[in-house]
Amino acid sequence: MIQLKAGQNIVLTGDIVRFSAKAGAALDVSALVVAENLRVFDTGDFVFYNQIETAGVTLSEDGVTIRLAEVRADAKAVLLVVSTDPAAPAQPGGLGAVTAALAVNDIATAEFAIDPSAGETALICLEVYRRGTDWKLRAVGQGYAGGLAVLLTAHGVEVDEPPTPPSGQPAGQHSAADLHDAQPVSTPGRFSGQDTISGPGTGDSRATGPAPLEVAHGLERLWMIFEDAARSAAAVISSRDYAMQRLDQELSAAVSDPATRNTPAVEDARQAAQRRCDDLIATAESNHLRDTEQLMRELADADRQLPPSLATWDSPAWDRPPTPSDGIRLGELYAIERGPLRIPYCVPVPLTRPLWIDTETTAAATPIVGAVLARLLAADPGRRTLVDMIDLTGAFGQLVGPLTPVLNGPPITDFGEISARLQTLVDAAELAELAYSTGNFTPPTEHRVLLAADFPHGYQAADAQRIAVLLMRGDLIGLSTVIVGTDESESSDGTVAMLSQSCRHLPTMDGTPLFDPWTGSAWQLDLDLLPREPARQARFLRTS
């Protein structure tokens, strides 16, 4: 039987999975069948003591049974959780230590020991999730001090109060949380004002771009790989921390008695404690290396199949006829201390949640802007692209030539011309919204791109308000917005601060960490740069 660590995942090879859990306190178990956004489709997807069955998932006195082939085809995962039994006397400290167990085809397969430390009364133990045509198991261990009601609400189940089972009812089970919506316990950095990477769909509204590709070759596949990398990273970090903490405790215990402190027995105890620590860390790092090598193979295979907007610059996709994409690549995420793995950082298109490239000088960001524009052009080859460029400092001069066929007029270099250009876009968006509200809306035939550099310097207060309107309604005209300037999240201008806080920021300063949305682990971002050679620029800036 495998002893899982937090974040670790394994492939499930059988057809029937059974989940059970035990703890010192009385437990209630339940299950949630969730979609890609980790929310239920409807109330029937919550399996508990009052609703003991849904397609492929059944609750009994022994726990939860999942018949994988019978789970609804559009489900991403079945989330398995325990919570304190509301019918039992309250226990100080919440759940306490929990051991979650999983059997596959009646063979004990995995255990996951969880020791909540912040008074959690509901806990996501395990996640059984799809990966392509396979099913996998992930150790989650995410606790909720707010209890079952908070956990359920985070997953789309409407609750007024935590459900209380009648006396004698079998325990029910509950499932994992949407890390974008809830505030779970023990997620380092996630809610501390630090930059958190948002996944596909976060902050995006009415989709008007190209039809999404199959998961196997698009944005979602890359985010699946990223999630596995984040979980594996969290597992090795947790194991290292636990090993060092245990070593410190064992060494302190070994020398606690002055009478035996310098005896051979104590020295033997010290060496044994160090070996246990070293062995645990070595096992964790070996598992992480195995995961890393597997994910690197998956990424290499994906890069040969991805459309150009998601692929590397060296991919053969750039030499093939253009194909549409559901996202664009912005760069690579990595952590030097965790090995050679580099994960593509990709976001959905159109950019209805604007990109904000943080930079002190627009000229320094030109290669980044060029890379973003190249990928936006490649993402939607079936529609005409029109780029409105505001470039008060003339920093993008080297891009103007290759982009001339898609520019919506000359770049704006005079601040007096900004308002009129923005108002034209606002008028188009408001007309589209009127059509949408009256049932006469038709999807846009063009992909519009607004590139607003040097913001907010040289812009009028009304221009910031116009951009705010485009943030809310720009999706109706197929608008992707890219802003270039210093981070204005703390601006004294409320509109400018709101705009900055609403955008997806791309830091250009080395050493600025981003935090993944699953485990809160820190990553560095290496942004893609458009090559400077004219021949290569022409290859990537496809304008016809």
Protein backbone atom coordinates (compact mmCIF):
# COMPACT_ATOMS: atom_id res chain seq x y z
CA MET A 1 0.00 0.00 0.00
CA ILE A 2 1.25 3.48 -0.90
CA GLN A 3 1.54 6.09 1.86
CA LEU A 4 0.67 9.33 0.08
CA LYS A 5 2.08 12.76 0.86
CA ALA A 6 0.15 15.99 0.25
CA GLY A 7 0.03 16.76 -3.46
CA GLN A 8 1.17 13.31 -4.58
CA ASN A 9 -0.86 11.61 -7.32
CA ILE A 10 -1.05 8.07 -8.68
CA VAL A 11 -2.79 6.42 -11.62
CA LEU A 12 -5.85 4.30 -10.83
CA THR A 13 -5.84 1.03 -12.74
CA GLY A 14 -9.13 -0.51 -11.59
CA ASP A 15 -12.82 0.15 -12.21
CA ILE A 16 -14.23 0.43 -8.68
CA VAL A 17 -12.80 2.73 -6.03
CA ARG A 18 -13.79 2.73 -2.35
CA PHE A 19 -12.98 5.54 0.06
CA SER A 20 -13.05 5.38 3.85
CA ALA A 21 -11.61 7.45 6.68
CA LYS A 22 -10.99 7.16 10.41
CA ALA A 23 -10.09 9.59 13.18
CA GLY A 24 -10.31 10.01 16.92
CA ALA A 25 -13.48 12.08 16.51
CA ALA A 26 -16.76 10.93 14.95
CA LEU A 27 -16.69 11.60 11.23
CA ASP A 28 -19.25 12.38 8.59
CA VAL A 29 -18.24 11.52 4.99
CA SER A 30 -19.63 12.72 1.66
CA ALA A 31 -18.71 13.23 -2.01
CA LEU A 32 -19.02 15.97 -4.61
CA VAL A 33 -19.02 15.34 -8.34
CA VAL A 34 -17.58 18.50 -9.90
CA ALA A 35 -16.91 20.11 -13.27
CA GLU A 36 -13.68 21.69 -14.56
CA ASN A 37 -14.22 24.66 -12.23
CA LEU A 38 -14.46 22.29 -9.22
CA ARG A 39 -18.12 23.20 -8.68
CA VAL A 40 -21.10 20.87 -8.79
CA PHE A 41 -23.34 20.79 -11.85
CA ASP A 42 -26.47 20.75 -9.65
CA THR A 43 -27.54 19.74 -6.15
CA GLY A 44 -27.79 16.09 -7.22
CA ASP A 45 -24.00 15.94 -7.40
CA PHE A 46 -23.64 16.22 -3.61
CA VAL A 47 -23.72 12.69 -2.19
CA PHE A 48 -24.40 12.58 1.56
CA TYR A 49 -26.62 10.89 4.17
CA ASN A 50 -29.82 12.40 2.74
CA GLN A 51 -28.89 11.73 -0.89
CA ILE A 52 -26.79 8.60 -0.97
CA GLU A 53 -26.34 8.13 -4.70
CA THR A 54 -25.66 9.86 -7.99
CA ALA A 55 -24.33 8.48 -11.27
CA GLY A 56 -21.34 6.27 -10.42
CA VAL A 57 -21.06 7.41 -6.77
CA THR A 58 -22.72 5.68 -3.81
CA LEU A 59 -22.56 6.28 -0.06
CA SER A 60 -22.85 3.42 2.43
CA GLU A 61 -21.93 2.78 6.05
CA ASP A 62 -18.46 1.73 4.86
CA GLY A 63 -17.76 4.97 2.99
CA VAL A 64 -18.01 6.04 -0.65
CA THR A 65 -17.86 3.75 -3.67
CA ILE A 66 -17.06 5.17 -7.11
CA ARG A 67 -17.72 3.16 -10.26
CA LEU A 68 -15.50 5.10 -12.59
CA ALA A 69 -17.15 4.03 -15.84
CA GLU A 70 -20.53 5.26 -14.58
CA VAL A 71 -19.46 8.75 -13.46
CA ARG A 72 -21.03 11.41 -15.66
CA ALA A 73 -18.90 12.00 -18.75
CA ASP A 74 -18.59 15.76 -18.25
CA ALA A 75 -17.28 15.51 -14.67
CA LYS A 76 -13.69 16.40 -13.96
CA ALA A 77 -13.42 14.88 -10.50
CA VAL A 78 -15.04 13.28 -7.49
CA LEU A 79 -13.95 15.07 -4.33
CA LEU A 80 -13.80 13.09 -1.10
CA VAL A 81 -14.02 14.86 2.23
CA VAL A 82 -14.62 14.27 5.89
CA SER A 83 -16.21 16.59 8.42
CA THR A 84 -17.09 16.48 12.09
CA ASP A 85 -20.33 14.65 12.77
CA PRO A 86 -22.81 17.37 13.82
CA ALA A 87 -24.76 14.81 15.84
CA ALA A 88 -21.73 13.96 17.99
CA PRO A 89 -20.41 16.03 20.93
CA ALA A 90 -18.10 18.83 19.80
CA GLN A 91 -14.41 17.99 19.96
CA PRO A 92 -11.83 20.64 20.92
CA GLY A 93 -9.39 21.28 18.12
CA GLY A 94 -11.67 20.21 15.28
CA LEU A 95 -11.15 16.96 13.41
CA GLY A 96 -7.76 16.01 14.73
CA ALA A 97 -5.62 13.46 12.89
CA VAL A 98 -7.41 11.72 10.01
CA THR A 99 -6.34 8.69 7.98
CA ALA A 100 -7.97 8.47 4.55
CA ALA A 101 -7.84 5.13 2.74
CA LEU A 102 -8.59 4.08 -0.82
CA ALA A 103 -9.10 0.60 -2.21
CA VAL A 104 -9.20 -0.22 -5.93
CA ASN A 105 -11.14 -3.32 -6.94
CA ASP A 106 -11.19 -4.31 -3.25
CA ILE A 107 -7.39 -4.14 -2.97
CA ALA A 108 -6.03 -1.66 -0.40
CA THR A 109 -4.10 0.78 -2.56
CA ALA A 110 -3.29 4.02 -0.77
CA GLU A 111 -3.46 5.80 2.59
CA PHE A 112 -3.08 9.47 3.34
CA ALA A 113 -2.43 10.66 6.90
CA ILE A 114 -3.60 14.21 7.58
CA ASP A 115 -3.08 16.16 10.80
CA PRO A 116 -5.01 19.46 10.66
CA SER A 117 -3.57 22.06 12.98
CA ALA A 118 -5.90 25.08 12.79
CA GLY A 119 -9.14 23.70 14.22
CA GLU A 120 -10.54 22.60 10.86
CA THR A 121 -13.91 20.85 11.02
CA ALA A 122 -14.13 19.92 7.33
CA LEU A 123 -11.33 18.44 5.29
CA ILE A 124 -10.76 17.58 1.63
CA CYS A 125 -8.94 14.28 1.85
CA LEU A 126 -8.62 12.93 -1.68
CA GLU A 127 -9.55 13.80 -5.23
CA VAL A 128 -10.30 11.17 -7.88
CA TYR A 129 -9.92 13.01 -11.16
CA ARG A 130 -9.76 12.47 -14.90
CA ARG A 131 -6.52 12.86 -16.81
CA GLY A 132 -7.28 12.32 -20.49
CA THR A 133 -8.80 8.84 -20.73
CA ASP A 134 -7.34 7.75 -17.38
CA TRP A 135 -8.36 8.31 -13.78
CA LYS A 136 -5.89 9.44 -11.12
CA LEU A 137 -5.88 9.89 -7.36
CA ARG A 138 -4.48 13.00 -5.68
CA ALA A 139 -3.79 13.54 -1.97
CA VAL A 140 -5.25 16.95 -1.14
CA GLY A 141 -5.46 17.45 2.65
CA GLN A 142 -7.13 20.87 2.48
CA GLY A 143 -8.90 21.94 5.67
CA TYR A 144 -11.71 24.42 6.37
CA ALA A 145 -11.96 26.01 9.79
CA GLY A 146 -15.33 27.41 8.67
CA GLY A 147 -16.66 23.88 8.43
CA LEU A 148 -18.71 21.92 5.96
CA ALA A 149 -21.00 24.80 5.01
CA VAL A 150 -18.03 26.87 3.79
CA LEU A 151 -16.62 23.91 1.87
CA LEU A 152 -19.94 23.17 0.17
CA THR A 153 -20.57 26.80 -0.73
CA ALA A 154 -17.14 26.99 -2.32
CA HIS A 155 -18.16 24.14 -4.59
CA GLY A 156 -21.47 25.55 -5.71
CA VAL A 157 -23.80 23.83 -3.23
CA GLU A 158 -26.27 26.28 -1.69
CA VAL A 159 -26.57 25.74 2.06
CA ASP A 160 -28.25 27.76 4.79
CA GLU A 161 -26.71 25.83 7.68
CA PRO A 162 -24.36 22.87 7.96
CA PRO A 163 -26.50 19.75 7.40
CA THR A 164 -27.11 17.65 10.50
CA PRO A 165 -27.70 13.93 9.97
CA PRO A 166 -30.50 12.34 11.98
CA SER A 167 -29.35 9.95 14.66
CA GLY A 168 -28.31 6.57 13.30
CA GLN A 169 -27.82 7.70 9.72
CA PRO A 170 -24.65 6.50 7.94
CA ALA A 171 -21.81 8.95 7.61
CA GLY A 172 -21.69 11.02 4.46
CA GLN A 173 -18.65 12.42 2.67
CA HIS A 174 -17.69 15.84 1.32
CA SER A 175 -15.27 17.10 -1.27
CA ALA A 176 -12.60 19.53 -2.29
CA ALA A 177 -12.63 23.29 -2.50
CA ASP A 178 -12.38 25.83 -5.29
CA LEU A 179 -9.15 27.59 -4.42
CA HIS A 180 -10.15 30.67 -6.42
CA ASP A 181 -13.34 31.33 -4.46
CA ALA A 182 -12.84 30.08 -0.92
CA GLN A 183 -10.25 30.86 1.71
CA PRO A 184 -9.05 27.48 2.96
CA VAL A 185 -6.69 27.00 5.84
CA SER A 186 -2.98 26.34 5.33
CA THR A 187 -2.44 27.77 1.86
CA PRO A 188 0.86 29.70 2.14
CA GLY A 189 0.83 33.09 0.44
CA ARG A 190 -2.57 32.62 -1.16
CA PHE A 191 -4.30 35.38 0.78
CA SER A 192 -1.39 37.54 1.91
CA GLY A 193 -1.42 40.21 -0.77
CA GLN A 194 0.95 38.24 -2.98
CA ASP A 195 0.49 37.75 -6.72
CA THR A 196 -1.42 34.54 -7.36
CA ILE A 197 -1.55 32.93 -10.77
CA SER A 198 -5.12 32.70 -12.05
CA GLY A 199 -6.21 29.73 -14.07
CA PRO A 200 -8.21 29.55 -17.27
CA GLY A 201 -11.66 31.01 -16.88
CA THR A 202 -10.80 33.09 -13.81
CA GLY A 203 -12.11 36.60 -14.33
CA ASP A 204 -13.27 35.92 -17.88
CA SER A 205 -16.84 36.50 -19.02
CA ARG A 206 -18.87 36.00 -22.22
CA ALA A 207 -16.63 34.04 -24.59
CA THR A 208 -16.53 35.32 -28.17
CA GLY A 209 -13.22 33.87 -29.34
CA PRO A 210 -12.47 30.70 -31.30
CA ALA A 211 -14.00 27.43 -30.18
CA PRO A 212 -11.86 25.71 -27.50
CA LEU A 213 -9.59 22.93 -28.67
CA GLU A 214 -9.75 19.43 -27.29
CA VAL A 215 -8.33 19.29 -23.77
CA ALA A 216 -5.59 16.98 -25.02
CA HIS A 217 -3.97 19.70 -27.12
CA GLY A 218 -4.99 23.05 -25.66
CA LEU A 219 -4.89 25.40 -22.74
CA GLU A 220 -6.54 23.04 -20.29
CA ARG A 221 -3.95 20.33 -20.91
CA LEU A 222 -1.16 22.72 -19.97
CA TRP A 223 -2.99 23.77 -16.82
CA MET A 224 -3.45 20.12 -15.87
CA ILE A 225 0.31 19.65 -16.13
CA PHE A 226 0.89 22.83 -14.12
CA GLU A 227 -1.46 21.62 -11.38
CA ASP A 228 0.38 18.28 -11.16
CA ALA A 229 3.69 20.16 -10.96
CA ALA A 230 2.36 22.39 -8.19
CA ARG A 231 1.07 19.42 -6.18
CA SER A 232 4.37 17.58 -6.57
CA ALA A 233 6.30 20.68 -5.49
CA ALA A 234 4.11 21.06 -2.41
CA ALA A 235 4.65 17.42 -1.51
CA VAL A 236 8.44 17.67 -1.53
CA ILE A 237 8.42 20.97 0.35
CA SER A 238 6.09 19.52 2.98
CA SER A 239 8.20 16.39 3.35
CA ARG A 240 11.41 18.38 3.81
CA ASP A 241 9.79 20.60 6.44
CA TYR A 242 8.32 17.62 8.29
CA ALA A 243 11.62 15.71 8.21
CA MET A 244 13.55 18.66 9.67
CA GLN A 245 10.90 19.32 12.30
CA ARG A 246 10.90 15.67 13.38
CA LEU A 247 14.71 15.62 13.45
CA ASP A 248 14.77 18.65 15.71
CA GLN A 249 12.24 17.04 18.08
CA GLU A 250 14.11 13.74 18.20
CA LEU A 251 17.47 15.42 18.81
CA SER A 252 15.97 17.53 21.59
CA ALA A 253 14.45 14.43 23.19
CA ALA A 254 17.75 12.55 22.95
CA VAL A 255 19.66 15.16 24.97
CA SER A 256 16.87 16.15 27.35
CA ASP A 257 18.27 14.07 30.23
CA PRO A 258 21.58 15.59 31.48
CA ALA A 259 22.56 12.25 33.03
CA THR A 260 22.71 10.48 29.67
CA ARG A 261 23.46 13.41 27.37
CA ASN A 262 27.02 12.33 26.53
CA THR A 263 26.57 8.59 26.47
CA PRO A 264 27.03 6.30 23.43
CA ALA A 265 23.29 5.54 23.48
CA VAL A 266 22.46 9.19 22.88
CA GLU A 267 24.98 9.39 20.05
CA ASP A 268 23.37 6.32 18.48
CA ALA A 269 19.94 7.97 18.85
CA ARG A 270 21.26 11.11 17.16
CA GLN A 271 22.63 9.17 14.23
CA ALA A 272 19.43 7.15 13.88
CA ALA A 273 17.34 10.35 13.87
CA GLN A 274 19.59 11.86 11.21
CA ARG A 275 19.27 8.73 9.05
CA ARG A 276 15.47 8.84 9.33
CA CYS A 277 15.50 12.48 8.31
CA ASP A 278 17.85 11.87 5.38
CA ASP A 279 15.86 8.85 4.20
CA LEU A 280 12.55 10.73 4.27
CA ILE A 281 13.98 13.67 2.34
CA ALA A 282 15.68 11.36 -0.16
CA THR A 283 12.41 9.49 -0.78
CA ALA A 284 10.48 12.75 -1.23
CA GLU A 285 13.08 14.14 -3.61
CA SER A 286 13.17 10.89 -5.57
CA ASN A 287 9.40 11.00 -5.97
CA HIS A 288 9.57 14.64 -7.03
CA LEU A 289 12.28 13.86 -9.58
CA ARG A 290 10.14 11.04 -10.97
CA ASP A 291 7.18 13.41 -11.29
CA THR A 292 9.36 16.07 -12.89
CA GLU A 293 10.72 13.71 -15.52
CA GLN A 294 7.21 12.50 -16.36
CA LEU A 295 5.88 16.06 -16.69
CA MET A 296 8.84 17.09 -18.86
CA ARG A 297 8.05 14.21 -21.21
CA GLU A 298 4.41 15.29 -21.33
CA LEU A 299 5.40 18.88 -22.11
CA ALA A 300 7.77 17.83 -24.89
CA ASP A 301 5.03 15.72 -26.43
CA ALA A 302 2.49 18.54 -26.07
CA ASP A 303 4.77 21.11 -27.70
CA ARG A 304 4.83 19.07 -30.92
CA GLN A 305 1.02 19.14 -31.04
CA LEU A 306 0.09 22.54 -29.64
CA PRO A 307 -1.08 25.39 -31.89
CA PRO A 308 1.54 28.13 -32.34
CA SER A 309 0.01 30.56 -29.85
CA LEU A 310 0.66 28.03 -27.06
CA ALA A 311 3.87 26.48 -28.35
CA THR A 312 7.52 27.45 -27.95
CA TRP A 313 9.25 29.57 -30.58
CA ASP A 314 11.11 26.45 -31.73
CA SER A 315 7.96 24.42 -32.29
CA PRO A 316 7.24 23.18 -35.84
CA ALA A 317 3.72 24.60 -35.37
CA TRP A 318 4.99 27.99 -36.58
CA ASP A 319 5.80 26.44 -39.97
CA ARG A 320 2.42 24.76 -40.39
CA PRO A 321 -0.81 26.39 -41.56
CA PRO A 322 -2.19 28.45 -38.67
CA THR A 323 -4.65 26.75 -36.34
CA PRO A 324 -6.92 28.42 -33.75
CA SER A 325 -6.28 28.22 -30.03
CA ASP A 326 -8.11 28.78 -26.76
CA GLY A 327 -5.16 30.55 -25.16
CA ILE A 328 -1.75 32.18 -25.52
CA ARG A 329 1.59 31.45 -23.92
CA LEU A 330 3.19 34.24 -21.86
CA GLY A 331 6.34 32.56 -20.60
CA GLU A 332 7.60 29.78 -18.34
CA LEU A 333 7.30 29.23 -14.61
CA TYR A 334 10.14 27.59 -12.72
CA ALA A 335 11.76 27.19 -9.31
CA ILE A 336 15.53 26.67 -9.43
CA GLU A 337 15.61 24.91 -6.06
CA ARG A 338 13.08 22.34 -7.30
CA GLY A 339 14.88 21.20 -10.43
CA PRO A 340 14.83 21.73 -14.22
CA LEU A 341 11.06 21.66 -14.81
CA ARG A 342 9.71 24.73 -16.63
CA ILE A 343 5.93 25.01 -16.97
CA PRO A 344 4.31 27.10 -19.74
CA TYR A 345 2.31 29.98 -18.27
CA CYS A 346 -0.73 30.37 -20.52
CA VAL A 347 -3.97 32.38 -20.32
CA PRO A 348 -7.31 32.29 -22.19
CA VAL A 349 -8.10 34.44 -25.22
CA PRO A 350 -9.54 36.88 -25.95
CA LEU A 351 -7.95 38.78 -23.07
CA THR A 352 -11.19 39.94 -21.49
CA ARG A 353 -9.18 40.16 -18.29
CA PRO A 354 -6.47 42.59 -19.48
CA LEU A 355 -2.77 41.92 -19.21
CA TRP A 356 -0.78 44.58 -17.38
CA ILE A 357 2.94 44.43 -18.09
CA ASP A 358 4.67 45.98 -15.06
CA THR A 359 7.64 48.04 -16.22
CA GLU A 360 9.35 51.34 -15.44
CA THR A 361 10.24 51.92 -19.10
CA THR A 362 8.03 50.94 -22.03
CA ALA A 363 11.03 50.43 -24.33
CA ALA A 364 12.36 47.67 -22.06
CA ALA A 365 9.07 45.80 -22.41
CA THR A 366 9.00 45.92 -26.23
CA PRO A 367 10.18 42.29 -26.74
CA ILE A 368 7.50 41.13 -24.27
CA VAL A 369 4.80 43.15 -26.01
CA GLY A 370 5.95 41.78 -29.38
CA ALA A 371 5.67 38.21 -28.09
CA VAL A 372 2.14 38.80 -26.75
CA LEU A 373 1.04 40.38 -30.06
CA ALA A 374 2.55 37.53 -32.10
CA ARG A 375 0.62 34.98 -30.07
CA LEU A 376 -2.63 36.97 -30.17
CA LEU A 377 -2.36 37.11 -33.97
CA ALA A 378 -1.72 33.36 -34.12
CA ALA A 379 -4.55 32.45 -31.73
CA ASP A 380 -7.43 33.44 -34.00
CA PRO A 381 -6.38 33.07 -37.65
CA GLY A 382 -9.97 32.72 -38.84
CA ARG A 383 -10.88 36.31 -37.98
CA ARG A 384 -9.40 39.61 -39.03
CA THR A 385 -7.29 41.19 -36.30
CA LEU A 386 -7.22 44.97 -35.74
CA VAL A 387 -4.70 46.49 -33.34
CA ASP A 388 -5.19 49.93 -31.75
CA MET A 389 -1.74 51.00 -30.52
CA ILE A 390 -1.15 53.86 -28.08
CA ASP A 391 2.60 54.50 -27.92
CA LEU A 392 3.33 57.97 -26.57
CA THR A 393 7.09 57.40 -26.31
CA GLY A 394 7.51 55.70 -29.69
CA ALA A 395 8.96 52.63 -27.96
CA PHE A 396 7.26 50.18 -30.33
CA GLY A 397 8.69 51.61 -33.53
CA GLN A 398 10.40 48.36 -34.51
CA LEU A 399 7.05 46.54 -34.34
CA VAL A 400 5.12 48.99 -36.52
CA GLY A 401 6.51 47.76 -39.84
CA PRO A 402 5.63 44.07 -39.44
CA LEU A 403 2.27 44.97 -37.85
CA THR A 404 1.18 47.54 -40.46
CA PRO A 405 -1.37 45.21 -42.12
CA VAL A 406 -3.27 44.79 -38.85
CA LEU A 407 -2.91 48.28 -37.33
CA ASN A 408 -6.16 50.23 -37.08
CA GLY A 409 -4.51 53.43 -38.22
CA PRO A 410 -1.11 54.86 -37.27
CA PRO A 411 0.03 54.34 -33.67
CA ILE A 412 -1.09 57.16 -31.38
CA THR A 413 1.93 59.15 -30.25
CA ASP A 414 0.08 62.36 -29.30
CA PHE A 415 -1.81 62.28 -26.00
CA GLY A 416 -4.49 64.51 -27.55
CA GLU A 417 -5.59 61.64 -29.81
CA ILE A 418 -6.06 59.02 -27.10
CA SER A 419 -9.61 59.91 -26.06
CA ALA A 420 -11.11 59.72 -29.55
CA ARG A 421 -9.60 56.32 -30.25
CA LEU A 422 -10.77 54.88 -26.93
CA GLN A 423 -14.24 56.36 -27.37
CA THR A 424 -14.59 54.61 -30.74
CA LEU A 425 -14.00 51.28 -29.00
CA VAL A 426 -16.39 52.20 -26.17
CA ASP A 427 -19.12 53.12 -28.67
CA ALA A 428 -18.71 49.78 -30.45
CA ALA A 429 -18.87 47.90 -27.13
CA GLU A 430 -22.00 49.75 -26.00
CA LEU A 431 -23.75 49.06 -29.30
CA ALA A 432 -22.86 45.39 -28.95
CA GLU A 433 -24.23 45.37 -25.40
CA LEU A 434 -27.48 46.91 -26.61
CA ALA A 435 -27.76 44.20 -29.25
CA TYR A 436 -26.97 41.57 -26.61
CA SER A 437 -29.70 42.84 -24.27
CA THR A 438 -32.32 42.89 -27.04
CA GLY A 439 -31.50 39.44 -28.40
CA ASN A 440 -29.97 40.74 -31.63
CA PHE A 441 -26.34 40.05 -30.78
CA THR A 442 -24.06 38.32 -33.27
CA PRO A 443 -20.51 37.26 -32.38
CA PRO A 444 -17.85 39.71 -33.59
CA THR A 445 -16.17 38.96 -36.89
CA GLU A 446 -12.97 40.74 -35.86
CA HIS A 447 -10.45 40.21 -33.08
CA ARG A 448 -9.71 43.66 -31.66
CA VAL A 449 -6.54 44.34 -29.68
CA LEU A 450 -5.99 47.48 -27.60
CA LEU A 451 -2.35 48.13 -26.67
CA ALA A 452 -2.23 51.02 -24.19
CA ALA A 453 1.38 51.86 -23.34
CA ASP A 454 2.70 54.37 -20.79
CA PHE A 455 -0.59 54.24 -18.89
CA PRO A 456 -1.73 56.34 -17.02
CA HIS A 457 0.80 59.05 -17.85
CA GLY A 458 -0.52 61.36 -20.58
CA TYR A 459 -4.02 59.90 -20.32
CA GLN A 460 -6.99 61.97 -19.12
CA ALA A 461 -9.12 60.86 -16.18
CA ALA A 462 -11.93 60.12 -18.63
CA ASP A 463 -9.61 57.80 -20.56
CA ALA A 464 -9.17 55.60 -17.50
CA GLN A 465 -12.96 55.45 -17.23
CA ARG A 466 -13.20 54.47 -20.91
CA ILE A 467 -10.74 51.64 -20.37
CA ALA A 468 -12.81 50.57 -17.35
CA VAL A 469 -15.88 50.37 -19.61
CA LEU A 470 -13.91 48.23 -22.06
CA LEU A 471 -12.87 45.95 -19.23
CA MET A 472 -16.55 45.22 -18.54
CA ARG A 473 -17.89 45.15 -22.11
CA GLY A 474 -14.92 44.59 -24.40
CA ASP A 475 -15.62 40.87 -24.72
CA LEU A 476 -18.70 41.73 -26.78
CA ILE A 477 -16.49 43.12 -29.53
CA GLY A 478 -13.82 40.42 -29.18
CA LEU A 479 -11.38 42.80 -27.49
CA SER A 480 -8.05 41.79 -25.96
CA THR A 481 -6.49 44.54 -23.84
CA VAL A 482 -2.79 44.90 -22.99
CA ILE A 483 -1.63 47.73 -20.71
CA VAL A 484 2.03 48.66 -20.28
CA GLY A 485 3.23 50.77 -17.34
CA THR A 486 4.12 50.80 -13.67
CA ASP A 487 1.88 48.91 -11.28
CA GLU A 488 -0.83 51.37 -10.20
CA SER A 489 -2.66 49.12 -7.73
CA GLU A 490 -2.00 51.64 -4.94
CA SER A 491 -2.80 54.73 -7.05
CA SER A 492 -4.63 57.60 -5.37
CA ASP A 493 -6.88 57.69 -8.45
CA GLY A 494 -9.63 55.20 -7.62
CA THR A 495 -10.40 54.33 -11.25
CA VAL A 496 -6.75 53.74 -12.11
CA ALA A 497 -6.24 51.63 -8.97
CA MET A 498 -9.34 49.57 -9.79
CA LEU A 499 -8.09 48.97 -13.32
CA SER A 500 -4.70 47.87 -12.08
CA GLN A 501 -6.20 45.54 -9.48
CA SER A 502 -8.51 44.00 -12.09
CA CYS A 503 -5.71 43.09 -14.51
CA ARG A 504 -3.46 40.05 -14.75
CA HIS A 505 -0.02 41.48 -13.93
CA LEU A 506 3.16 40.28 -15.60
CA PRO A 507 6.20 41.26 -13.51
CA THR A 508 9.31 42.16 -15.51
CA MET A 509 11.62 42.57 -12.49
CA ASP A 510 13.72 39.51 -11.69
CA GLY A 511 12.96 37.84 -8.40
CA THR A 512 9.26 38.73 -8.27
CA PRO A 513 7.49 35.51 -7.24
CA LEU A 514 4.08 34.32 -8.34
CA PHE A 515 2.09 31.80 -6.32
CA ASP A 516 0.13 28.93 -7.81
CA PRO A 517 -3.60 28.75 -6.94
CA TRP A 518 -3.56 25.13 -5.67
CA THR A 519 -0.81 25.02 -3.04
CA GLY A 520 0.53 28.58 -2.79
CA SER A 521 4.03 27.46 -3.84
CA ALA A 522 6.29 30.20 -5.19
CA TRP A 523 7.37 30.27 -8.85
CA GLN A 524 9.53 32.60 -10.90
CA LEU A 525 8.23 33.79 -14.28
CA ASP A 526 10.50 33.94 -17.32
CA LEU A 527 8.49 35.95 -19.85
CA ASP A 528 8.64 35.09 -23.55
CA LEU A 529 10.47 37.64 -25.70
CA LEU A 530 9.94 38.22 -29.40
CA PRO A 531 13.26 37.43 -31.17
CA ARG A 532 15.01 40.56 -32.43
CA GLU A 533 16.13 39.15 -35.80
CA PRO A 534 13.89 40.65 -38.54
CA ALA A 535 13.52 37.31 -40.33
CA ARG A 536 12.33 35.58 -37.16
CA GLN A 537 10.03 38.46 -36.28
CA ALA A 538 8.40 38.17 -39.69
CA ARG A 539 7.94 34.44 -39.10
CA PHE A 540 6.13 34.97 -35.81
CA LEU A 541 4.22 38.20 -36.51
CA ARG A 542 1.86 36.59 -38.98
CA THR A 543 -0.29 39.37 -40.40
CA SER A 544 -1.69 37.72 -43.50
